[in-house]
N, C-alpha and C. Protein backbone atom coordinates (compact mmCIF):
# COMPACT_ATOMS: atom_id res chain seq x y z
N UNK A 1 65.80 50.59 -33.22
CA UNK A 1 66.62 50.56 -32.04
C UNK A 1 68.08 50.56 -32.50
N UNK A 2 68.83 51.56 -32.09
CA UNK A 2 70.23 51.64 -32.46
C UNK A 2 71.08 50.95 -31.42
N UNK A 3 72.18 50.37 -31.86
CA UNK A 3 73.08 49.66 -30.95
C UNK A 3 74.19 50.61 -30.53
N UNK A 4 74.46 50.63 -29.27
CA UNK A 4 75.55 51.44 -28.73
C UNK A 4 76.85 50.67 -28.86
N UNK A 5 77.96 51.38 -29.06
CA UNK A 5 79.25 50.68 -29.12
C UNK A 5 79.54 49.89 -27.85
N UNK A 6 79.05 50.35 -26.72
CA UNK A 6 79.28 49.63 -25.46
C UNK A 6 78.60 48.28 -25.46
N UNK A 7 77.42 48.18 -26.07
CA UNK A 7 76.68 46.92 -26.09
C UNK A 7 77.40 45.91 -26.97
N UNK A 8 78.06 46.38 -28.03
CA UNK A 8 78.77 45.47 -28.92
C UNK A 8 80.01 44.90 -28.25
N UNK A 9 80.48 45.51 -27.18
CA UNK A 9 81.66 45.02 -26.46
C UNK A 9 81.29 43.86 -25.55
N UNK A 10 81.91 43.81 -24.41
CA UNK A 10 81.70 42.73 -23.46
C UNK A 10 80.42 42.97 -22.66
N UNK A 11 79.44 42.12 -22.85
CA UNK A 11 78.15 42.29 -22.15
C UNK A 11 78.27 42.08 -20.66
N UNK A 12 79.33 41.43 -20.21
CA UNK A 12 79.52 41.22 -18.77
C UNK A 12 79.73 42.55 -18.06
N UNK A 13 80.18 43.57 -18.79
CA UNK A 13 80.43 44.88 -18.19
C UNK A 13 79.20 45.78 -18.19
N UNK A 14 78.13 45.37 -18.88
CA UNK A 14 76.93 46.19 -18.96
C UNK A 14 76.07 45.94 -17.73
N UNK A 15 75.65 47.03 -17.08
CA UNK A 15 74.76 46.92 -15.91
C UNK A 15 73.34 47.21 -16.38
N UNK A 16 72.45 46.27 -16.16
CA UNK A 16 71.06 46.42 -16.57
C UNK A 16 70.21 46.86 -15.39
N UNK A 17 69.30 47.80 -15.65
CA UNK A 17 68.42 48.34 -14.62
C UNK A 17 66.98 47.93 -14.91
N UNK A 18 66.20 47.77 -13.86
CA UNK A 18 64.77 47.52 -14.03
C UNK A 18 64.09 48.85 -14.36
N UNK A 19 62.85 48.75 -14.82
CA UNK A 19 62.07 49.95 -15.11
C UNK A 19 61.92 50.79 -13.84
N UNK A 20 61.70 50.14 -12.71
CA UNK A 20 61.55 50.86 -11.44
C UNK A 20 62.83 51.61 -11.08
N UNK A 21 63.99 50.97 -11.29
CA UNK A 21 65.27 51.62 -11.00
C UNK A 21 65.50 52.82 -11.92
N UNK A 22 65.14 52.67 -13.19
CA UNK A 22 65.28 53.78 -14.13
C UNK A 22 64.37 54.93 -13.72
N UNK A 23 63.14 54.61 -13.34
CA UNK A 23 62.19 55.64 -12.92
C UNK A 23 62.72 56.40 -11.70
N UNK A 24 63.29 55.68 -10.75
CA UNK A 24 63.86 56.32 -9.56
C UNK A 24 65.04 57.21 -9.94
N UNK A 25 65.91 56.69 -10.79
CA UNK A 25 67.09 57.43 -11.22
C UNK A 25 66.71 58.72 -11.95
N UNK A 26 65.69 58.63 -12.80
CA UNK A 26 65.26 59.79 -13.59
C UNK A 26 64.23 60.65 -12.85
N UNK A 27 63.75 60.14 -11.74
CA UNK A 27 62.70 60.82 -10.95
C UNK A 27 61.43 61.07 -11.77
N UNK A 28 61.00 59.99 -12.44
CA UNK A 28 59.76 60.01 -13.21
C UNK A 28 58.97 58.75 -12.83
N UNK A 29 57.77 58.62 -13.37
CA UNK A 29 56.97 57.42 -13.08
C UNK A 29 57.42 56.25 -13.95
N UNK A 30 57.06 55.05 -13.52
CA UNK A 30 57.37 53.87 -14.32
C UNK A 30 56.67 53.95 -15.67
N UNK A 31 55.48 54.51 -15.72
CA UNK A 31 54.75 54.64 -16.98
C UNK A 31 55.53 55.51 -17.97
N UNK A 32 56.20 56.55 -17.48
CA UNK A 32 57.02 57.39 -18.35
C UNK A 32 58.17 56.59 -18.94
N UNK A 33 58.79 55.74 -18.14
CA UNK A 33 59.88 54.89 -18.63
C UNK A 33 59.35 53.93 -19.68
N UNK A 34 58.22 53.28 -19.42
CA UNK A 34 57.62 52.38 -20.41
C UNK A 34 57.33 53.12 -21.71
N UNK A 35 56.84 54.34 -21.62
CA UNK A 35 56.54 55.15 -22.80
C UNK A 35 57.82 55.43 -23.59
N UNK A 36 58.90 55.78 -22.90
CA UNK A 36 60.18 56.03 -23.56
C UNK A 36 60.69 54.77 -24.27
N UNK A 37 60.53 53.63 -23.63
CA UNK A 37 60.98 52.36 -24.22
C UNK A 37 60.14 52.03 -25.45
N UNK A 38 58.82 52.12 -25.33
CA UNK A 38 57.94 51.77 -26.44
C UNK A 38 58.08 52.72 -27.62
N UNK A 39 58.41 53.99 -27.35
CA UNK A 39 58.60 54.96 -28.43
C UNK A 39 59.98 54.85 -29.08
N UNK A 40 60.85 54.03 -28.49
CA UNK A 40 62.19 53.86 -29.04
C UNK A 40 63.17 54.93 -28.59
N UNK A 41 62.77 55.77 -27.64
CA UNK A 41 63.65 56.82 -27.14
C UNK A 41 64.68 56.29 -26.16
N UNK A 42 64.40 55.17 -25.54
CA UNK A 42 65.28 54.58 -24.54
C UNK A 42 65.47 53.10 -24.90
N UNK A 43 66.71 52.70 -25.10
CA UNK A 43 67.03 51.32 -25.46
C UNK A 43 66.74 50.39 -24.30
N UNK A 44 66.11 49.26 -24.60
CA UNK A 44 65.80 48.27 -23.57
C UNK A 44 65.81 46.88 -24.18
N UNK A 45 65.97 45.90 -23.31
CA UNK A 45 65.94 44.50 -23.70
C UNK A 45 64.76 43.86 -22.99
N UNK A 46 63.98 43.10 -23.74
CA UNK A 46 62.84 42.42 -23.11
C UNK A 46 63.32 41.08 -22.57
N UNK A 47 63.06 40.84 -21.29
CA UNK A 47 63.41 39.59 -20.63
C UNK A 47 62.12 39.02 -20.07
N UNK A 48 61.59 38.01 -20.74
CA UNK A 48 60.29 37.48 -20.32
C UNK A 48 59.23 38.53 -20.52
N UNK A 49 58.55 38.89 -19.45
CA UNK A 49 57.50 39.91 -19.53
C UNK A 49 57.95 41.28 -19.07
N UNK A 50 59.23 41.41 -18.73
CA UNK A 50 59.73 42.69 -18.23
C UNK A 50 60.84 43.23 -19.12
N UNK A 51 61.22 44.46 -18.86
CA UNK A 51 62.28 45.12 -19.61
C UNK A 51 63.47 45.37 -18.72
N UNK A 52 64.66 45.34 -19.32
CA UNK A 52 65.89 45.74 -18.64
C UNK A 52 66.54 46.80 -19.52
N UNK A 53 66.99 47.86 -18.88
CA UNK A 53 67.57 48.99 -19.59
C UNK A 53 69.05 49.08 -19.25
N UNK A 54 69.93 49.09 -20.27
CA UNK A 54 71.36 49.26 -19.97
C UNK A 54 71.59 50.62 -19.30
N UNK A 55 72.37 50.62 -18.25
CA UNK A 55 72.59 51.85 -17.50
C UNK A 55 73.14 52.96 -18.39
N UNK A 56 74.04 52.62 -19.30
CA UNK A 56 74.62 53.64 -20.18
C UNK A 56 73.56 54.26 -21.08
N UNK A 57 72.49 53.52 -21.41
CA UNK A 57 71.42 54.07 -22.25
C UNK A 57 70.67 55.17 -21.51
N UNK A 58 70.50 55.00 -20.21
CA UNK A 58 69.85 56.04 -19.40
C UNK A 58 70.70 57.30 -19.38
N UNK A 59 72.01 57.12 -19.18
CA UNK A 59 72.91 58.27 -19.14
C UNK A 59 72.96 58.97 -20.49
N UNK A 60 72.97 58.21 -21.58
CA UNK A 60 72.98 58.80 -22.92
C UNK A 60 71.69 59.58 -23.17
N UNK A 61 70.55 59.01 -22.77
CA UNK A 61 69.26 59.69 -22.96
C UNK A 61 69.23 61.01 -22.19
N UNK A 62 69.66 60.96 -20.93
CA UNK A 62 69.65 62.18 -20.11
C UNK A 62 70.63 63.22 -20.65
N UNK A 63 71.79 62.78 -21.10
CA UNK A 63 72.79 63.71 -21.66
C UNK A 63 72.21 64.39 -22.92
N UNK A 64 71.57 63.62 -23.78
CA UNK A 64 70.97 64.17 -25.00
C UNK A 64 69.83 65.13 -24.66
N UNK A 65 69.01 64.77 -23.68
CA UNK A 65 67.90 65.62 -23.27
C UNK A 65 68.42 66.92 -22.67
N UNK A 66 69.52 66.82 -21.92
CA UNK A 66 70.12 68.00 -21.30
C UNK A 66 70.69 68.91 -22.38
N UNK A 67 71.36 68.34 -23.37
CA UNK A 67 71.94 69.12 -24.46
C UNK A 67 70.87 69.84 -25.27
N UNK A 68 69.72 69.17 -25.48
CA UNK A 68 68.61 69.77 -26.24
C UNK A 68 68.00 70.95 -25.49
N UNK A 69 67.94 70.88 -24.18
CA UNK A 69 67.29 71.93 -23.40
C UNK A 69 68.22 73.09 -23.08
N UNK A 70 69.52 72.88 -23.25
CA UNK A 70 70.50 73.94 -22.92
C UNK A 70 70.63 74.97 -24.01
């Protein structure tokens, strides 16, 4: 898991999303989001039994995926 420069800054500015919110934003299933997290493709933090994904990590993943397909 690589650390983003944004995460090293002020954590108060980081917005964390639930798996369901990420799935809605990406228009995929929650299982797809879990798969991305477990494969290390999408950075996430485990909180208890659930995951929280930094919003910037979703945008970085989508930007990289868009660049690869273009």
